[in-house]
Amino acid sequence: LVIEEIRKAEKENDVVVLAQGSMTAILPLLKETEKPVLT
C-alpha cells in the first residue's frame, strides 16, 4: 500500500517525504525512483 502511494506522489512532486521512520524498510523494494524519496 505504501509503495503504491509513493509511486503516485513521485509523479506529482519534486521530492517525496516519508513521514514515518518505519517506512525506511521499503526503500530497497522501491529500487530506482524518479524523484528523491526521503526517510
Full PDB file with SEQRES, HELIX, SHEET, SSBOND, CRYST1, ORIGX, SCALE, CONECT and MASTER records, all heavy atoms in Angstrom:
SEQRES   1 A   39  LEU VAL ILE GLU GLU ILE ARG LYS ALA GLU LYS GLU ASN          
SEQRES   2 A   39  ASP VAL VAL VAL LEU ALA GLN GLY SER MET THR ALA ILE          
SEQRES   3 A   39  LEU PRO LEU LEU LYS GLU THR GLU LYS PRO VAL LEU THR          
HELIX    1 AA1 VAL A    2  GLU A   12  1                                  11    
HELIX    2 AA2 GLY A   21  ILE A   26  5                                   6    
HELIX    3 AA3 LEU A   27  LEU A   30  1                                   4    
SHEET    1 AA1 2 VAL A  16  VAL A  17  0                                        
SHEET    2 AA1 2 VAL A  37  LEU A  38  1                                        
CRYST1    1.000    1.000    1.000  90.00  90.00  90.00 P 1           1          
ORIGX1      1.000000  0.000000  0.000000        0.00000                         
ORIGX2      0.000000  1.000000  0.000000        0.00000                         
ORIGX3      0.000000  0.000000  1.000000        0.00000                         
SCALE1      1.000000  0.000000  0.000000        0.00000                         
SCALE2      0.000000  1.000000  0.000000        0.00000                         
SCALE3      0.000000  0.000000  1.000000        0.00000                         
ATOM      1  N   LEU A   1       0.819  -1.209   0.000  1.00  0.00           N  
ATOM      2  CA  LEU A   1       0.000   0.000   0.000  1.00  0.00           C  
ATOM      3  C   LEU A   1       0.854   1.260   0.000  1.00  0.00           C  
ATOM      4  O   LEU A   1       0.556   2.237  -0.698  1.00  0.00           O  
ATOM      5  CB  LEU A   1      -0.928  -0.006   1.218  1.00  0.00           C  
ATOM      6  CG  LEU A   1      -2.035  -1.068   1.216  1.00  0.00           C  
ATOM      7  CD1 LEU A   1      -2.762  -1.062   2.555  1.00  0.00           C  
ATOM      8  CD2 LEU A   1      -3.016  -0.816   0.078  1.00  0.00           C  
ATOM      9  N   VAL A   2       1.924   1.247   0.774  1.00  0.00           N  
ATOM     10  CA  VAL A   2       2.775   2.428   0.865  1.00  0.00           C  
ATOM     11  C   VAL A   2       3.509   2.673  -0.455  1.00  0.00           C  
ATOM     12  O   VAL A   2       3.595   3.815  -0.933  1.00  0.00           O  
ATOM     13  CB  VAL A   2       3.768   2.301   2.035  1.00  0.00           C  
ATOM     14  CG1 VAL A   2       4.757   3.470   2.020  1.00  0.00           C  
ATOM     15  CG2 VAL A   2       3.029   2.271   3.367  1.00  0.00           C  
ATOM     16  N   ILE A   3       4.023   1.620  -1.057  1.00  0.00           N  
ATOM     17  CA  ILE A   3       4.731   1.779  -2.341  1.00  0.00           C  
ATOM     18  C   ILE A   3       3.798   2.346  -3.409  1.00  0.00           C  
ATOM     19  O   ILE A   3       4.187   3.208  -4.205  1.00  0.00           O  
ATOM     20  CB  ILE A   3       5.325   0.429  -2.791  1.00  0.00           C  
ATOM     21  CG1 ILE A   3       6.516   0.072  -1.889  1.00  0.00           C  
ATOM     22  CG2 ILE A   3       5.765   0.480  -4.252  1.00  0.00           C  
ATOM     23  CD1 ILE A   3       7.057  -1.320  -2.112  1.00  0.00           C  
ATOM     24  N   GLU A   4       2.572   1.876  -3.413  1.00  0.00           N  
ATOM     25  CA  GLU A   4       1.585   2.391  -4.374  1.00  0.00           C  
ATOM     26  C   GLU A   4       1.400   3.900  -4.211  1.00  0.00           C  
ATOM     27  O   GLU A   4       1.342   4.650  -5.196  1.00  0.00           O  
ATOM     28  CB  GLU A   4       0.254   1.675  -4.150  1.00  0.00           C  
ATOM     29  CG  GLU A   4      -0.851   2.091  -5.099  1.00  0.00           C  
ATOM     30  CD  GLU A   4      -2.149   1.326  -4.828  1.00  0.00           C  
ATOM     31  OE1 GLU A   4      -2.092   0.145  -4.425  1.00  0.00           O  
ATOM     32  OE2 GLU A   4      -3.213   1.934  -5.028  1.00  0.00           O  
ATOM     33  N   GLU A   5       1.359   4.353  -2.960  1.00  0.00           N  
ATOM     34  CA  GLU A   5       1.161   5.788  -2.710  1.00  0.00           C  
ATOM     35  C   GLU A   5       2.427   6.590  -3.025  1.00  0.00           C  
ATOM     36  O   GLU A   5       2.351   7.723  -3.521  1.00  0.00           O  
ATOM     37  CB  GLU A   5       0.735   6.002  -1.245  1.00  0.00           C  
ATOM     38  CG  GLU A   5      -0.106   7.239  -1.026  1.00  0.00           C  
ATOM     39  CD  GLU A   5      -1.468   7.180  -1.690  1.00  0.00           C  
ATOM     40  OE1 GLU A   5      -1.928   6.079  -2.077  1.00  0.00           O  
ATOM     41  OE2 GLU A   5      -2.096   8.247  -1.828  1.00  0.00           O  
ATOM     42  N   ILE A   6       3.590   6.005  -2.756  1.00  0.00           N  
ATOM     43  CA  ILE A   6       4.843   6.678  -3.104  1.00  0.00           C  
ATOM     44  C   ILE A   6       4.934   6.890  -4.609  1.00  0.00           C  
ATOM     45  O   ILE A   6       5.333   7.960  -5.080  1.00  0.00           O  
ATOM     46  CB  ILE A   6       6.054   5.868  -2.597  1.00  0.00           C  
ATOM     47  CG1 ILE A   6       6.110   5.895  -1.065  1.00  0.00           C  
ATOM     48  CG2 ILE A   6       7.354   6.424  -3.179  1.00  0.00           C  
ATOM     49  CD1 ILE A   6       7.146   4.951  -0.477  1.00  0.00           C  
ATOM     50  N   ARG A   7       4.587   5.866  -5.384  1.00  0.00           N  
ATOM     51  CA  ARG A   7       4.623   5.996  -6.847  1.00  0.00           C  
ATOM     52  C   ARG A   7       3.707   7.119  -7.327  1.00  0.00           C  
ATOM     53  O   ARG A   7       4.048   7.876  -8.244  1.00  0.00           O  
ATOM     54  CB  ARG A   7       4.211   4.674  -7.487  1.00  0.00           C  
ATOM     55  CG  ARG A   7       5.165   3.516  -7.231  1.00  0.00           C  
ATOM     56  CD  ARG A   7       6.553   3.787  -7.732  1.00  0.00           C  
ATOM     57  NE  ARG A   7       7.428   2.610  -7.630  1.00  0.00           N  
ATOM     58  CZ  ARG A   7       8.748   2.667  -7.635  1.00  0.00           C  
ATOM     59  NH1 ARG A   7       9.365   3.829  -7.744  1.00  0.00           N  
ATOM     60  NH2 ARG A   7       9.471   1.560  -7.522  1.00  0.00           N  
ATOM     61  N   LYS A   8       2.558   7.227  -6.693  1.00  0.00           N  
ATOM     62  CA  LYS A   8       1.631   8.308  -7.052  1.00  0.00           C  
ATOM     63  C   LYS A   8       2.238   9.667  -6.705  1.00  0.00           C  
ATOM     64  O   LYS A   8       2.203  10.600  -7.526  1.00  0.00           O  
ATOM     65  CB  LYS A   8       0.309   8.110  -6.305  1.00  0.00           C  
ATOM     66  CG  LYS A   8      -0.718   9.200  -6.575  1.00  0.00           C  
ATOM     67  CD  LYS A   8      -1.992   8.937  -5.779  1.00  0.00           C  
ATOM     68  CE  LYS A   8      -3.006  10.058  -5.978  1.00  0.00           C  
ATOM     69  NZ  LYS A   8      -4.218   9.859  -5.152  1.00  0.00           N  
ATOM     70  N   ALA A   9       2.821   9.772  -5.516  1.00  0.00           N  
ATOM     71  CA  ALA A   9       3.410  11.036  -5.072  1.00  0.00           C  
ATOM     72  C   ALA A   9       4.593  11.440  -5.946  1.00  0.00           C  
ATOM     73  O   ALA A   9       4.807  12.629  -6.218  1.00  0.00           O  
ATOM     74  CB  ALA A   9       3.836  10.932  -3.610  1.00  0.00           C  
ATOM     75  N   GLU A  10       5.356  10.459  -6.401  1.00  0.00           N  
ATOM     76  CA  GLU A  10       6.508  10.724  -7.272  1.00  0.00           C  
ATOM     77  C   GLU A  10       6.100  11.481  -8.532  1.00  0.00           C  
ATOM     78  O   GLU A  10       6.809  12.375  -8.991  1.00  0.00           O  
ATOM     79  CB  GLU A  10       7.146   9.407  -7.704  1.00  0.00           C  
ATOM     80  CG  GLU A  10       8.240   8.888  -6.833  1.00  0.00           C  
ATOM     81  CD  GLU A  10       8.949   7.749  -7.541  1.00  0.00           C  
ATOM     82  OE1 GLU A  10       8.317   6.700  -7.758  1.00  0.00           O  
ATOM     83  OE2 GLU A  10      10.117   7.929  -7.892  1.00  0.00           O  
ATOM     84  N   LYS A  11       4.983  11.081  -9.100  1.00  0.00           N  
ATOM     85  CA  LYS A  11       4.542  11.661 -10.369  1.00  0.00           C  
ATOM     86  C   LYS A  11       4.076  13.099 -10.221  1.00  0.00           C  
ATOM     87  O   LYS A  11       4.045  13.844 -11.195  1.00  0.00           O  
ATOM     88  CB  LYS A  11       3.415  10.812 -10.957  1.00  0.00           C  
ATOM     89  CG  LYS A  11       3.854   9.400 -11.347  1.00  0.00           C  
ATOM     90  CD  LYS A  11       2.671   8.576 -11.815  1.00  0.00           C  
ATOM     91  CE  LYS A  11       3.091   7.145 -12.156  1.00  0.00           C  
ATOM     92  NZ  LYS A  11       1.944   6.296 -12.552  1.00  0.00           N  
ATOM     93  N   GLU A  12       3.722  13.476  -9.001  1.00  0.00           N  
ATOM     94  CA  GLU A  12       3.081  14.775  -8.792  1.00  0.00           C  
ATOM     95  C   GLU A  12       3.951  15.781  -8.046  1.00  0.00           C  
ATOM     96  O   GLU A  12       3.522  16.921  -7.833  1.00  0.00           O  
ATOM     97  CB  GLU A  12       1.774  14.564  -8.018  1.00  0.00           C  
ATOM     98  CG  GLU A  12       0.790  13.652  -8.760  1.00  0.00           C  
ATOM     99  CD  GLU A  12      -0.419  13.277  -7.926  1.00  0.00           C  
ATOM    100  OE1 GLU A  12      -0.437  13.582  -6.712  1.00  0.00           O  
ATOM    101  OE2 GLU A  12      -1.359  12.669  -8.490  1.00  0.00           O  
ATOM    102  N   ASN A  13       5.186  15.380  -7.646  1.00  0.00           N  
ATOM    103  CA  ASN A  13       6.006  16.253  -6.816  1.00  0.00           C  
ATOM    104  C   ASN A  13       7.478  16.208  -7.227  1.00  0.00           C  
ATOM    105  O   ASN A  13       7.898  15.344  -7.991  1.00  0.00           O  
ATOM    106  CB  ASN A  13       5.870  15.840  -5.342  1.00  0.00           C  
ATOM    107  CG  ASN A  13       4.459  15.969  -4.829  1.00  0.00           C  
ATOM    108  OD1 ASN A  13       4.037  17.052  -4.444  1.00  0.00           O  
ATOM    109  ND2 ASN A  13       3.704  14.880  -4.845  1.00  0.00           N  
ATOM    110  N   ASP A  14       8.261  17.136  -6.649  1.00  0.00           N  
ATOM    111  CA  ASP A  14       9.705  17.170  -6.889  1.00  0.00           C  
ATOM    112  C   ASP A  14      10.451  16.229  -5.949  1.00  0.00           C  
ATOM    113  O   ASP A  14      11.529  15.731  -6.283  1.00  0.00           O  
ATOM    114  CB  ASP A  14      10.247  18.591  -6.671  1.00  0.00           C  
ATOM    115  CG  ASP A  14       9.586  19.614  -7.574  1.00  0.00           C  
ATOM    116  OD1 ASP A  14       9.410  19.309  -8.769  1.00  0.00           O  
ATOM    117  OD2 ASP A  14       9.246  20.706  -7.089  1.00  0.00           O  
ATOM    118  N   VAL A  15       9.904  16.029  -4.769  1.00  0.00           N  
ATOM    119  CA  VAL A  15      10.540  15.196  -3.753  1.00  0.00           C  
ATOM    120  C   VAL A  15       9.435  14.573  -2.903  1.00  0.00           C  
ATOM    121  O   VAL A  15       8.376  15.175  -2.698  1.00  0.00           O  
ATOM    122  CB  VAL A  15      11.522  16.022  -2.887  1.00  0.00           C  
ATOM    123  CG1 VAL A  15      10.839  17.203  -2.243  1.00  0.00           C  
ATOM    124  CG2 VAL A  15      12.201  15.162  -1.831  1.00  0.00           C  
ATOM    125  N   VAL A  16       9.686  13.355  -2.419  1.00  0.00           N  
ATOM    126  CA  VAL A  16       8.705  12.643  -1.584  1.00  0.00           C  
ATOM    127  C   VAL A  16       9.302  12.443  -0.197  1.00  0.00           C  
ATOM    128  O   VAL A  16      10.444  11.993  -0.053  1.00  0.00           O  
ATOM    129  CB  VAL A  16       8.325  11.280  -2.194  1.00  0.00           C  
ATOM    130  CG1 VAL A  16       7.324  10.545  -1.299  1.00  0.00           C  
ATOM    131  CG2 VAL A  16       7.759  11.462  -3.599  1.00  0.00           C  
ATOM    132  N   VAL A  17       8.520  12.777   0.815  1.00  0.00           N  
ATOM    133  CA  VAL A  17       8.936  12.635   2.213  1.00  0.00           C  
ATOM    134  C   VAL A  17       8.081  11.543   2.852  1.00  0.00           C  
ATOM    135  O   VAL A  17       6.855  11.572   2.758  1.00  0.00           O  
ATOM    136  CB  VAL A  17       8.746  13.972   2.965  1.00  0.00           C  
ATOM    137  CG1 VAL A  17       8.903  13.777   4.460  1.00  0.00           C  
ATOM    138  CG2 VAL A  17       9.716  15.013   2.447  1.00  0.00           C  
ATOM    139  N   LEU A  18       8.739  10.574   3.502  1.00  0.00           N  
ATOM    140  CA  LEU A  18       8.024   9.514   4.214  1.00  0.00           C  
ATOM    141  C   LEU A  18       7.932   9.910   5.680  1.00  0.00           C  
ATOM    142  O   LEU A  18       8.942   9.989   6.382  1.00  0.00           O  
ATOM    143  CB  LEU A  18       8.747   8.173   4.044  1.00  0.00           C  
ATOM    144  CG  LEU A  18       9.010   7.731   2.593  1.00  0.00           C  
ATOM    145  CD1 LEU A  18       9.589   6.320   2.563  1.00  0.00           C  
ATOM    146  CD2 LEU A  18       7.733   7.802   1.753  1.00  0.00           C  
ATOM    147  N   ALA A  19       6.707  10.166   6.131  1.00  0.00           N  
ATOM    148  CA  ALA A  19       6.508  10.748   7.458  1.00  0.00           C  
ATOM    149  C   ALA A  19       6.893   9.804   8.590  1.00  0.00           C  
ATOM    150  O   ALA A  19       7.359  10.253   9.639  1.00  0.00           O  
ATOM    151  CB  ALA A  19       5.046  11.173   7.622  1.00  0.00           C  
ATOM    152  N   GLN A  20       6.696   8.512   8.423  1.00  0.00           N  
ATOM    153  CA  GLN A  20       7.036   7.544   9.468  1.00  0.00           C  
ATOM    154  C   GLN A  20       8.419   6.942   9.211  1.00  0.00           C  
ATOM    155  O   GLN A  20       8.694   6.471   8.098  1.00  0.00           O  
ATOM    156  CB  GLN A  20       6.014   6.402   9.530  1.00  0.00           C  
ATOM    157  CG  GLN A  20       4.847   6.634  10.466  1.00  0.00           C  
ATOM    158  CD  GLN A  20       3.943   7.751   9.993  1.00  0.00           C  
ATOM    159  OE1 GLN A  20       3.516   7.801   8.845  1.00  0.00           O  
ATOM    160  NE2 GLN A  20       3.653   8.680  10.886  1.00  0.00           N  
ATOM    161  N   GLY A  21       9.256   6.937  10.240  1.00  0.00           N  
ATOM    162  CA  GLY A  21      10.555   6.307  10.119  1.00  0.00           C  
ATOM    163  C   GLY A  21      10.455   4.832   9.796  1.00  0.00           C  
ATOM    164  O   GLY A  21      11.363   4.253   9.191  1.00  0.00           O  
ATOM    165  N   SER A  22       9.344   4.219  10.184  1.00  0.00           N  
ATOM    166  CA  SER A  22       9.137   2.788   9.939  1.00  0.00           C  
ATOM    167  C   SER A  22       9.057   2.451   8.462  1.00  0.00           C  
ATOM    168  O   SER A  22       9.182   1.292   8.071  1.00  0.00           O  
ATOM    169  CB  SER A  22       7.840   2.337  10.627  1.00  0.00           C  
ATOM    170  OG  SER A  22       6.737   3.113  10.201  1.00  0.00           O  
ATOM    171  N   MET A  23       8.885   3.450   7.600  1.00  0.00           N  
ATOM    172  CA  MET A  23       8.812   3.198   6.159  1.00  0.00           C  
ATOM    173  C   MET A  23      10.185   3.041   5.517  1.00  0.00           C  
ATOM    174  O   MET A  23      10.287   2.737   4.325  1.00  0.00           O  
ATOM    175  CB  MET A  23       8.031   4.324   5.465  1.00  0.00           C  
ATOM    176  CG  MET A  23       6.543   4.278   5.712  1.00  0.00           C  
ATOM    177  SD  MET A  23       5.646   5.459   4.665  1.00  0.00           S  
ATOM    178  CE  MET A  23       5.602   6.892   5.724  1.00  0.00           C  
ATOM    179  N   THR A  24      11.251   3.222   6.283  1.00  0.00           N  
ATOM    180  CA  THR A  24      12.601   3.091   5.745  1.00  0.00           C  
ATOM    181  C   THR A  24      12.829   1.720   5.114  1.00  0.00           C  
ATOM    182  O   THR A  24      13.528   1.590   4.097  1.00  0.00           O  
ATOM    183  CB  THR A  24      13.638   3.316   6.854  1.00  0.00           C  
ATOM    184  OG1 THR A  24      13.441   4.619   7.418  1.00  0.00           O  
ATOM    185  CG2 THR A  24      15.054   3.228   6.314  1.00  0.00           C  
ATOM    186  N   ALA A  25      12.243   0.694   5.695  1.00  0.00           N  
ATOM    187  CA  ALA A  25      12.444  -0.681   5.201  1.00  0.00           C  
ATOM    188  C   ALA A  25      11.928  -0.868   3.782  1.00  0.00           C  
ATOM    189  O   ALA A  25      12.289  -1.835   3.103  1.00  0.00           O  
ATOM    190  CB  ALA A  25      11.754  -1.669   6.142  1.00  0.00           C  
ATOM    191  N   ILE A  26      11.103   0.061   3.307  1.00  0.00           N  
ATOM    192  CA  ILE A  26      10.539  -0.041   1.965  1.00  0.00           C  
ATOM    193  C   ILE A  26      11.547   0.364   0.885  1.00  0.00           C  
ATOM    194  O   ILE A  26      11.445  -0.063  -0.266  1.00  0.00           O  
ATOM    195  CB  ILE A  26       9.263   0.829   1.871  1.00  0.00           C  
ATOM    196  CG1 ILE A  26       8.137   0.173   2.659  1.00  0.00           C  
ATOM    197  CG2 ILE A  26       8.845   1.079   0.437  1.00  0.00           C  
ATOM    198  CD1 ILE A  26       6.902   0.994   2.736  1.00  0.00           C  
ATOM    199  N   LEU A  27      12.533   1.166   1.243  1.00  0.00           N  
ATOM    200  CA  LEU A  27      13.439   1.727   0.238  1.00  0.00           C  
ATOM    201  C   LEU A  27      14.069   0.690  -0.685  1.00  0.00           C  
ATOM    202  O   LEU A  27      14.109   0.897  -1.900  1.00  0.00           O  
ATOM    203  CB  LEU A  27      14.523   2.567   0.924  1.00  0.00           C  
ATOM    204  CG  LEU A  27      14.040   3.845   1.604  1.00  0.00           C  
ATOM    205  CD1 LEU A  27      15.217   4.618   2.170  1.00  0.00           C  
ATOM    206  CD2 LEU A  27      13.244   4.724   0.649  1.00  0.00           C  
ATOM    207  N   PRO A  28      14.565  -0.453  -0.175  1.00  0.00           N  
ATOM    208  CA  PRO A  28      15.127  -1.448  -1.098  1.00  0.00           C  
ATOM    209  C   PRO A  28      14.102  -1.991  -2.091  1.00  0.00           C  
ATOM    210  O   PRO A  28      14.455  -2.388  -3.200  1.00  0.00           O  
ATOM    211  CB  PRO A  28      15.634  -2.554  -0.162  1.00  0.00           C  
ATOM    212  CG  PRO A  28      15.834  -1.882   1.153  1.00  0.00           C  
ATOM    213  CD  PRO A  28      14.766  -0.856   1.230  1.00  0.00           C  
ATOM    214  N   LEU A  29      12.832  -2.015  -1.697  1.00  0.00           N  
ATOM    215  CA  LEU A  29      11.781  -2.525  -2.570  1.00  0.00           C  
ATOM    216  C   LEU A  29      11.456  -1.538  -3.683  1.00  0.00           C  
ATOM    217  O   LEU A  29      10.998  -1.925  -4.756  1.00  0.00           O  
ATOM    218  CB  LEU A  29      10.517  -2.827  -1.762  1.00  0.00           C  
ATOM    219  CG  LEU A  29      10.674  -3.835  -0.612  1.00  0.00           C  
ATOM    220  CD1 LEU A  29       9.366  -3.970   0.151  1.00  0.00           C  
ATOM    221  CD2 LEU A  29      11.129  -5.182  -1.136  1.00  0.00           C  
ATOM    222  N   LEU A  30      11.706  -0.248  -3.430  1.00  0.00           N  
ATOM    223  CA  LEU A  30      11.422   0.770  -4.444  1.00  0.00           C  
ATOM    224  C   LEU A  30      12.419   0.705  -5.594  1.00  0.00           C  
ATOM    225  O   LEU A  30      12.102   1.047  -6.723  1.00  0.00           O  
ATOM    226  CB  LEU A  30      11.487   2.163  -3.809  1.00  0.00           C  
ATOM    227  CG  LEU A  30      10.310   2.591  -2.947  1.00  0.00           C  
ATOM    228  CD1 LEU A  30      10.634   3.900  -2.249  1.00  0.00           C  
ATOM    229  CD2 LEU A  30       9.051   2.756  -3.794  1.00  0.00           C  
ATOM    230  N   LYS A  31      13.659   0.283  -5.257  1.00  0.00           N  
ATOM    231  CA  LYS A  31      14.749   0.267  -6.247  1.00  0.00           C  
ATOM    232  C   LYS A  31      14.934   1.677  -6.793  1.00  0.00           C  
ATOM    233  O   LYS A  31      15.094   2.618  -6.038  1.00  0.00           O  
ATOM    234  CB  LYS A  31      14.466  -0.767  -7.331  1.00  0.00           C  
ATOM    235  CG  LYS A  31      14.354  -2.192  -6.765  1.00  0.00           C  
ATOM    236  CD  LYS A  31      14.048  -3.204  -7.832  1.00  0.00           C  
ATOM    237  CE  LYS A  31      13.916  -4.598  -7.226  1.00  0.00           C  
ATOM    238  NZ  LYS A  31      13.573  -5.630  -8.229  1.00  0.00           N  
ATOM    239  N   GLU A  32      14.900   1.857  -8.097  1.00  0.00           N  
ATOM    240  CA  GLU A  32      15.106   3.193  -8.655  1.00  0.00           C  
ATOM    241  C   GLU A  32      13.817   4.016  -8.554  1.00  0.00           C  
ATOM    242  O   GLU A  32      12.730   3.507  -8.780  1.00  0.00           O  
ATOM    243  CB  GLU A  32      15.546   3.098 -10.113  1.00  0.00           C  
ATOM    244  CG  GLU A  32      16.920   2.472 -10.305  1.00  0.00           C  
ATOM    245  CD  GLU A  32      17.373   2.516 -11.754  1.00  0.00           C  
ATOM    246  OE1 GLU A  32      16.688   3.178 -12.564  1.00  0.00           O  
ATOM    247  OE2 GLU A  32      18.397   1.892 -12.058  1.00  0.00           O  
ATOM    248  N   THR A  33      13.993   5.296  -8.227  1.00  0.00           N  
ATOM    249  CA  THR A  33      12.836   6.183  -8.140  1.00  0.00           C  
ATOM    250  C   THR A  33      13.046   7.375  -9.068  1.00  0.00           C  
ATOM    251  O   THR A  33      14.176   7.795  -9.327  1.00  0.00           O  
ATOM    252  CB  THR A  33      12.630   6.699  -6.701  1.00  0.00           C  
ATOM    253  OG1 THR A  33      13.820   7.378  -6.267  1.00  0.00           O  
ATOM    254  CG2 THR A  33      12.333   5.541  -5.757  1.00  0.00           C  
ATOM    255  N   GLU A  34      11.940   7.904  -9.566  1.00  0.00           N  
ATOM    256  CA  GLU A  34      12.018   9.052 -10.465  1.00  0.00           C  
ATOM    257  C   GLU A  34      12.425  10.316  -9.714  1.00  0.00           C  
ATOM    258  O   GLU A  34      13.090  11.186 -10.263  1.00  0.00           O  
ATOM    259  CB  GLU A  34      10.657   9.276 -11.125  1.00  0.00           C  
ATOM    260  CG  GLU A  34      10.196   8.139 -12.017  1.00  0.00           C  
ATOM    261  CD  GLU A  34       8.816   8.386 -12.589  1.00  0.00           C  
ATOM    262  OE1 GLU A  34       8.326   9.541 -12.459  1.00  0.00           O  
ATOM    263  OE2 GLU A  34       8.220   7.464 -13.167  1.00  0.00           O  
ATOM    264  N   LYS A  35      12.007  10.425  -8.472  1.00  0.00           N  
ATOM    265  CA  LYS A  35      12.271  11.603  -7.652  1.00  0.00           C  
ATOM    266  C   LYS A  35      12.932  11.165  -6.337  1.00  0.00           C  
ATOM    267  O   LYS A  35      12.816  10.004  -5.940  1.00  0.00           O  
ATOM    268  CB  LYS A  35      10.946  12.322  -7.336  1.00  0.00           C  
ATOM    269  CG  LYS A  35      10.084  12.613  -8.548  1.00  0.00           C  
ATOM    270  CD  LYS A  35      10.651  13.704  -9.408  1.00  0.00           C  
ATOM    271  CE  LYS A  35       9.822  13.924 -10.674  1.00  0.00           C  
ATOM    272  NZ  LYS A  35       8.410  14.187 -10.417  1.00  0.00           N  
ATOM    273  N   PRO A  36      13.605  12.083  -5.637  1.00  0.00           N  
ATOM    274  CA  PRO A  36      14.175  11.733  -4.333  1.00  0.00           C  
ATOM    275  C   PRO A  36      13.075  11.310  -3.354  1.00  0.00           C  
ATOM    276  O   PRO A  36      12.027  11.955  -3.285  1.00  0.00           O  
ATOM    277  CB  PRO A  36      14.840  13.037  -3.873  1.00  0.00           C  
ATOM    278  CG  PRO A  36      15.046  13.830  -5.120  1.00  0.00           C  
ATOM    279  CD  PRO A  36      13.914  13.470  -6.030  1.00  0.00           C  
ATOM    280  N   VAL A  37      13.320  10.228  -2.640  1.00  0.00           N  
ATOM    281  CA  VAL A  37      12.400   9.744  -1.606  1.00  0.00           C  
ATOM    282  C   VAL A  37      13.164   9.752  -0.289  1.00  0.00           C  
ATOM    283  O   VAL A  37      14.153   9.028  -0.130  1.00  0.00           O  
ATOM    284  CB  VAL A  37      11.868   8.332  -1.923  1.00  0.00           C  
ATOM    285  CG1 VAL A  37      10.960   7.846  -0.790  1.00  0.00           C  
ATOM    286  CG2 VAL A  37      11.104   8.330  -3.248  1.00  0.00           C  
ATOM    287  N   LEU A  38      12.727  10.590   0.656  1.00  0.00           N  
ATOM    288  CA  LEU A  38      13.467  10.805   1.891  1.00  0.00           C  
ATOM    289  C   LEU A  38      12.822  10.100   3.078  1.00  0.00           C  
ATOM    290  O   LEU A  38      11.595  10.091   3.216  1.00  0.00           O  
ATOM    291  CB  LEU A  38      13.549  12.304   2.199  1.00  0.00           C  
ATOM    292  CG  LEU A  38      14.097  13.212   1.100  1.00  0.00           C  
ATOM    293  CD1 LEU A  38      14.138  14.652   1.594  1.00  0.00           C  
ATOM    294  CD2 LEU A  38      15.475  12.761   0.635  1.00  0.00           C  
ATOM    295  N   THR A  39      13.658   9.513   3.931  1.00  0.00           N  
ATOM    296  CA  THR A  39      13.205   8.968   5.203  1.00  0.00           C  
ATOM    297  C   THR A  39      14.039   9.607   6.309  1.00  0.00           C  
ATOM    298  O   THR A  39      15.138  10.124   6.072  1.00  0.00           O  
ATOM    299  CB  THR A  39      13.353   7.436   5.256  1.00  0.00           C  
ATOM    300  OG1 THR A  39      14.735   7.095   5.078  1.00  0.00           O  
ATOM    301  CG2 THR A  39      12.516   6.772   4.175  1.00  0.00           C  
TER     302      THR A  39                                                      
MASTER        0    0    0    3    2    0    0    6  301    1    0    3          
END                                                                             
